[in-house]
Amino acid sequence: MTEARIEARIEVRRSARRRRTVSAYRDGDRIVVLIPASMTAAQEAHWVERMIASLDRKEQRTKRSDADLSRRAGELNDEYFGGLATPASVAWVTNQRTRWGSCTPSDRSIRLSHRLQPMPAWVQDYVLVHELAHLLVAGHNADFWELVNAYPLAEKAQGFLAGWAAGSAATPP
């Protein structure tokens, strides 16, 4: 079983209007599989397995590696900070459950939570910009937010992350 699959809850939604098609998507930490109401339990089990495998393959193709993440941080640094916020390392980590990212200015390391991996690239970019800004300003003062808000999708990304966090907090395990 893949890590994404262990962490995800699976919700199957049956629809009388759906005749033959089956689809699936990730909604936060949940995988939603849409199937026709007429499917048998065996067909449902088959399609759930197939759709989860398909989602896993798709996510593996689109997932940024640590090297991709580091390269993207360099691009964002150049674009928004004029090259002044160069990190020594940028990596995905699995031990951040309550925050999206962290930065240690003393060793110039940035870590992003693996929970960001299925999220849109522009949300990941926002978190990178946020952490890069900490290489220039340690706290969350007005100067810091001025740097972060130079990213044009900052407010949208903040809303996305707040909505995701509220949705997953409201959903029982």
C-alpha atoms as a PDB file:
ATOM      1  CA  MET A   1       0.000   0.000   0.000  1.00  0.00           C
ATOM      2  CA  THR A   2       1.341   3.456  -0.848  1.00  0.00           C
ATOM      3  CA  GLU A   3       1.804   6.176   1.757  1.00  0.00           C
ATOM      4  CA  ALA A   4      -0.865   8.327   0.082  1.00  0.00           C
ATOM      5  CA  ARG A   5      -3.287   5.463   0.318  1.00  0.00           C
ATOM      6  CA  ILE A   6      -2.605   4.689   3.974  1.00  0.00           C
ATOM      7  CA  GLU A   7      -3.194   8.301   4.977  1.00  0.00           C
ATOM      8  CA  ALA A   8      -6.270   8.825   2.798  1.00  0.00           C
ATOM      9  CA  ARG A   9      -9.826   7.964   3.685  1.00  0.00           C
ATOM     10  CA  ILE A  10     -11.910   6.647   0.825  1.00  0.00           C
ATOM     11  CA  GLU A  11     -15.433   7.886   0.201  1.00  0.00           C
ATOM     12  CA  VAL A  12     -17.544   6.194  -2.456  1.00  0.00           C
ATOM     13  CA  ARG A  13     -20.422   8.209  -3.869  1.00  0.00           C
ATOM     14  CA  ARG A  14     -23.065   6.397  -5.901  1.00  0.00           C
ATOM     15  CA  SER A  15     -25.148   8.268  -8.442  1.00  0.00           C
ATOM     16  CA  ALA A  16     -28.316   7.127 -10.198  1.00  0.00           C
ATOM     17  CA  ARG A  17     -27.555   9.582 -13.016  1.00  0.00           C
ATOM     18  CA  ARG A  18     -24.121   8.103 -13.622  1.00  0.00           C
ATOM     19  CA  ARG A  19     -24.454   5.162 -16.015  1.00  0.00           C
ATOM     20  CA  ARG A  20     -21.013   3.838 -16.941  1.00  0.00           C
ATOM     21  CA  THR A  21     -18.303   6.265 -15.971  1.00  0.00           C
ATOM     22  CA  VAL A  22     -16.200   6.087 -12.851  1.00  0.00           C
ATOM     23  CA  SER A  23     -14.012   8.936 -11.635  1.00  0.00           C
ATOM     24  CA  ALA A  24     -11.979   9.826  -8.577  1.00  0.00           C
ATOM     25  CA  TYR A  25     -10.324  12.850  -7.076  1.00  0.00           C
ATOM     26  CA  ARG A  26      -8.486  13.816  -3.927  1.00  0.00           C
ATOM     27  CA  ASP A  27     -10.286  16.136  -1.514  1.00  0.00           C
ATOM     28  CA  GLY A  28      -7.731  16.997   1.159  1.00  0.00           C
ATOM     29  CA  ASP A  29      -6.824  13.749   2.905  1.00  0.00           C
ATOM     30  CA  ARG A  30      -9.811  11.925   1.426  1.00  0.00           C
ATOM     31  CA  ILE A  31     -10.172  10.177  -1.937  1.00  0.00           C
ATOM     32  CA  VAL A  32     -13.644  10.473  -3.437  1.00  0.00           C
ATOM     33  CA  VAL A  33     -14.665   7.813  -5.972  1.00  0.00           C
ATOM     34  CA  LEU A  34     -17.801   8.468  -8.054  1.00  0.00           C
ATOM     35  CA  ILE A  35     -19.552   5.352  -9.398  1.00  0.00           C
ATOM     36  CA  PRO A  36     -22.909   4.417 -10.929  1.00  0.00           C
ATOM     37  CA  ALA A  37     -25.532   3.391  -8.346  1.00  0.00           C
ATOM     38  CA  SER A  38     -26.152   0.177 -10.285  1.00  0.00           C
ATOM     39  CA  MET A  39     -22.700  -1.304  -9.576  1.00  0.00           C
ATOM     40  CA  THR A  40     -22.425  -4.405  -7.453  1.00  0.00           C
ATOM     41  CA  ALA A  41     -20.224  -4.478  -4.355  1.00  0.00           C
ATOM     42  CA  ALA A  42     -17.621  -6.493  -6.285  1.00  0.00           C
ATOM     43  CA  GLN A  43     -17.620  -3.973  -9.146  1.00  0.00           C
ATOM     44  CA  GLU A  44     -17.335  -1.152  -6.642  1.00  0.00           C
ATOM     45  CA  ALA A  45     -14.322  -2.784  -4.956  1.00  0.00           C
ATOM     46  CA  HIS A  46     -12.681  -3.353  -8.349  1.00  0.00           C
ATOM     47  CA  TRP A  47     -13.189   0.241  -9.476  1.00  0.00           C
ATOM     48  CA  VAL A  48     -12.150   1.772  -6.167  1.00  0.00           C
ATOM     49  CA  GLU A  49      -8.842  -0.141  -6.370  1.00  0.00           C
ATOM     50  CA  ARG A  50      -8.374   0.846 -10.000  1.00  0.00           C
ATOM     51  CA  MET A  51      -9.150   4.525  -9.442  1.00  0.00           C
ATOM     52  CA  ILE A  52      -6.879   4.795  -6.394  1.00  0.00           C
ATOM     53  CA  ALA A  53      -4.045   3.231  -8.382  1.00  0.00           C
ATOM     54  CA  SER A  54      -4.727   5.689 -11.197  1.00  0.00           C
ATOM     55  CA  LEU A  55      -4.654   8.649  -8.792  1.00  0.00           C
ATOM     56  CA  ASP A  56      -1.404   7.370  -7.259  1.00  0.00           C
ATOM     57  CA  ARG A  57       0.208   7.136 -10.717  1.00  0.00           C
ATOM     58  CA  LYS A  58      -0.989  10.607 -11.668  1.00  0.00           C
ATOM     59  CA  GLU A  59       0.290  12.120  -8.423  1.00  0.00           C
ATOM     60  CA  GLN A  60       3.676  10.432  -8.826  1.00  0.00           C
ATOM     61  CA  ARG A  61       3.983  11.984 -12.297  1.00  0.00           C
ATOM     62  CA  THR A  62       3.099  15.460 -11.055  1.00  0.00           C
ATOM     63  CA  LYS A  63       4.791  15.395  -7.635  1.00  0.00           C
ATOM     64  CA  ARG A  64       7.767  17.677  -7.241  1.00  0.00           C
ATOM     65  CA  SER A  65      10.931  15.968  -6.021  1.00  0.00           C
ATOM     66  CA  ASP A  66      13.233  17.661  -3.491  1.00  0.00           C
ATOM     67  CA  ALA A  67      15.406  18.714  -6.443  1.00  0.00           C
ATOM     68  CA  ASP A  68      12.362  20.179  -8.233  1.00  0.00           C
ATOM     69  CA  LEU A  69      11.369  21.956  -5.022  1.00  0.00           C
ATOM     70  CA  SER A  70      14.859  23.405  -4.615  1.00  0.00           C
ATOM     71  CA  ARG A  71      14.901  24.522  -8.257  1.00  0.00           C
ATOM     72  CA  ARG A  72      11.492  26.179  -7.843  1.00  0.00           C
ATOM     73  CA  ALA A  73      12.616  27.915  -4.645  1.00  0.00           C
ATOM     74  CA  GLY A  74      15.544  29.338  -6.635  1.00  0.00           C
ATOM     75  CA  GLU A  75      13.188  30.641  -9.326  1.00  0.00           C
ATOM     76  CA  LEU A  76      10.869  32.224  -6.754  1.00  0.00           C
ATOM     77  CA  ASN A  77      13.851  33.711  -4.907  1.00  0.00           C
ATOM     78  CA  ASP A  78      15.054  35.358  -8.106  1.00  0.00           C
ATOM     79  CA  GLU A  79      11.592  36.591  -9.057  1.00  0.00           C
ATOM     80  CA  TYR A  80      10.369  37.949  -5.707  1.00  0.00           C
ATOM     81  CA  PHE A  81      13.510  38.543  -3.643  1.00  0.00           C
ATOM     82  CA  GLY A  82      16.114  39.501  -6.248  1.00  0.00           C
ATOM     83  CA  GLY A  83      18.221  36.487  -5.306  1.00  0.00           C
ATOM     84  CA  LEU A  84      18.662  37.638  -1.681  1.00  0.00           C
ATOM     85  CA  ALA A  85      16.813  34.709  -0.054  1.00  0.00           C
ATOM     86  CA  THR A  86      18.909  31.778  -1.218  1.00  0.00           C
ATOM     87  CA  PRO A  87      18.236  28.636   0.818  1.00  0.00           C
ATOM     88  CA  ALA A  88      20.974  26.088   1.491  1.00  0.00           C
ATOM     89  CA  SER A  89      18.440  23.256   1.288  1.00  0.00           C
ATOM     90  CA  VAL A  90      14.772  22.732   0.474  1.00  0.00           C
ATOM     91  CA  ALA A  91      13.053  19.415   1.140  1.00  0.00           C
ATOM     92  CA  TRP A  92       9.736  17.674   1.701  1.00  0.00           C
ATOM     93  CA  VAL A  93       9.265  16.279   5.209  1.00  0.00           C
ATOM     94  CA  THR A  94       6.677  13.962   6.751  1.00  0.00           C
ATOM     95  CA  ASN A  95       6.949  15.140  10.360  1.00  0.00           C
ATOM     96  CA  GLN A  96       4.993  18.405  10.007  1.00  0.00           C
ATOM     97  CA  ARG A  97       1.375  17.798  10.924  1.00  0.00           C
ATOM     98  CA  THR A  98       0.401  21.252  12.163  1.00  0.00           C
ATOM     99  CA  ARG A  99       2.261  23.553   9.803  1.00  0.00           C
ATOM    100  CA  TRP A 100       2.721  23.776   6.056  1.00  0.00           C
ATOM    101  CA  GLY A 101       6.384  24.663   6.103  1.00  0.00           C
ATOM    102  CA  SER A 102       9.265  25.779   8.248  1.00  0.00           C
ATOM    103  CA  CYS A 103      12.480  27.712   7.849  1.00  0.00           C
ATOM    104  CA  THR A 104      15.627  27.716   9.964  1.00  0.00           C
ATOM    105  CA  PRO A 105      17.410  30.957   9.064  1.00  0.00           C
ATOM    106  CA  SER A 106      20.614  29.970  10.913  1.00  0.00           C
ATOM    107  CA  ASP A 107      21.292  27.084   8.500  1.00  0.00           C
ATOM    108  CA  ARG A 108      19.112  28.491   5.670  1.00  0.00           C
ATOM    109  CA  SER A 109      17.044  25.300   5.424  1.00  0.00           C
ATOM    110  CA  ILE A 110      13.436  25.170   4.297  1.00  0.00           C
ATOM    111  CA  ARG A 111      11.132  22.205   4.817  1.00  0.00           C
ATOM    112  CA  LEU A 112       7.645  21.765   3.375  1.00  0.00           C
ATOM    113  CA  SER A 113       5.052  19.361   4.718  1.00  0.00           C
ATOM    114  CA  HIS A 114       4.326  16.405   2.463  1.00  0.00           C
ATOM    115  CA  ARG A 115       0.629  17.296   2.946  1.00  0.00           C
ATOM    116  CA  LEU A 116       1.193  20.037   0.337  1.00  0.00           C
ATOM    117  CA  GLN A 117       2.169  17.563  -2.383  1.00  0.00           C
ATOM    118  CA  PRO A 118      -1.332  16.925  -3.774  1.00  0.00           C
ATOM    119  CA  MET A 119      -2.160  20.641  -3.666  1.00  0.00           C
ATOM    120  CA  PRO A 120      -1.881  22.963  -6.671  1.00  0.00           C
ATOM    121  CA  ALA A 121       1.595  24.210  -7.568  1.00  0.00           C
ATOM    122  CA  TRP A 122       0.593  27.838  -6.895  1.00  0.00           C
ATOM    123  CA  VAL A 123      -0.247  26.900  -3.279  1.00  0.00           C
ATOM    124  CA  GLN A 124       3.106  25.136  -2.893  1.00  0.00           C
ATOM    125  CA  ASP A 125       4.758  28.222  -4.408  1.00  0.00           C
ATOM    126  CA  TYR A 126       3.040  30.447  -1.849  1.00  0.00           C
ATOM    127  CA  VAL A 127       4.411  28.355   1.024  1.00  0.00           C
ATOM    128  CA  LEU A 128       7.870  28.472  -0.564  1.00  0.00           C
ATOM    129  CA  VAL A 129       7.630  32.270  -0.869  1.00  0.00           C
ATOM    130  CA  HIS A 130       6.501  32.476   2.775  1.00  0.00           C
ATOM    131  CA  GLU A 131       9.466  30.387   3.941  1.00  0.00           C
ATOM    132  CA  LEU A 132      11.924  32.201   1.658  1.00  0.00           C
ATOM    133  CA  ALA A 133      10.770  35.498   3.182  1.00  0.00           C
ATOM    134  CA  HIS A 134      11.847  34.146   6.578  1.00  0.00           C
ATOM    135  CA  LEU A 135      15.420  34.042   5.294  1.00  0.00           C
ATOM    136  CA  LEU A 136      15.193  37.845   5.134  1.00  0.00           C
ATOM    137  CA  VAL A 137      12.809  38.623   8.012  1.00  0.00           C
ATOM    138  CA  ALA A 138      12.596  36.215  10.958  1.00  0.00           C
ATOM    139  CA  GLY A 139       9.167  37.106  12.380  1.00  0.00           C
ATOM    140  CA  HIS A 140       5.733  37.828  10.955  1.00  0.00           C
ATOM    141  CA  ASN A 141       5.893  41.614  11.113  1.00  0.00           C
ATOM    142  CA  ALA A 142       4.731  44.136   8.501  1.00  0.00           C
ATOM    143  CA  ASP A 143       8.032  43.922   6.589  1.00  0.00           C
ATOM    144  CA  PHE A 144       7.664  40.152   6.358  1.00  0.00           C
ATOM    145  CA  TRP A 145       4.077  40.317   5.061  1.00  0.00           C
ATOM    146  CA  GLU A 146       5.065  42.973   2.537  1.00  0.00           C
ATOM    147  CA  LEU A 147       7.593  40.525   1.097  1.00  0.00           C
ATOM    148  CA  VAL A 148       5.134  37.607   1.072  1.00  0.00           C
ATOM    149  CA  ASN A 149       2.315  39.637  -0.431  1.00  0.00           C
ATOM    150  CA  ALA A 150       4.482  40.443  -3.448  1.00  0.00           C
ATOM    151  CA  TYR A 151       3.450  36.944  -4.577  1.00  0.00           C
ATOM    152  CA  PRO A 152       0.277  37.714  -6.574  1.00  0.00           C
ATOM    153  CA  LEU A 153      -1.611  34.608  -5.426  1.00  0.00           C
ATOM    154  CA  ALA A 154      -0.751  35.031  -1.731  1.00  0.00           C
ATOM    155  CA  GLU A 155      -4.263  35.885  -0.570  1.00  0.00           C
ATOM    156  CA  LYS A 156      -5.843  33.166  -2.712  1.00  0.00           C
ATOM    157  CA  ALA A 157      -3.347  30.580  -1.407  1.00  0.00           C
ATOM    158  CA  GLN A 158      -3.948  31.647   2.193  1.00  0.00           C
ATOM    159  CA  GLY A 159      -7.680  31.147   1.639  1.00  0.00           C
ATOM    160  CA  PHE A 160      -7.083  27.756   0.012  1.00  0.00           C
ATOM    161  CA  LEU A 161      -4.956  26.557   2.934  1.00  0.00           C
ATOM    162  CA  ALA A 162      -7.377  27.943   5.527  1.00  0.00           C
ATOM    163  CA  GLY A 163     -10.289  26.232   3.783  1.00  0.00           C
ATOM    164  CA  TRP A 164      -8.413  22.954   3.521  1.00  0.00           C
ATOM    165  CA  ALA A 165      -7.455  23.085   7.214  1.00  0.00           C
ATOM    166  CA  ALA A 166     -11.013  23.931   8.269  1.00  0.00           C
ATOM    167  CA  GLY A 167     -12.436  21.186   6.055  1.00  0.00           C
ATOM    168  CA  SER A 168     -10.113  18.529   7.397  1.00  0.00           C
ATOM    169  CA  ALA A 169     -10.694  19.633  11.002  1.00  0.00           C
ATOM    170  CA  ALA A 170     -14.459  19.380  10.488  1.00  0.00           C
ATOM    171  CA  THR A 171     -14.222  15.919   8.956  1.00  0.00           C
ATOM    172  CA  PRO A 172     -14.129  13.114  11.539  1.00  0.00           C
ATOM    173  CA  PRO A 173     -11.248  10.632  11.165  1.00  0.00           C
END
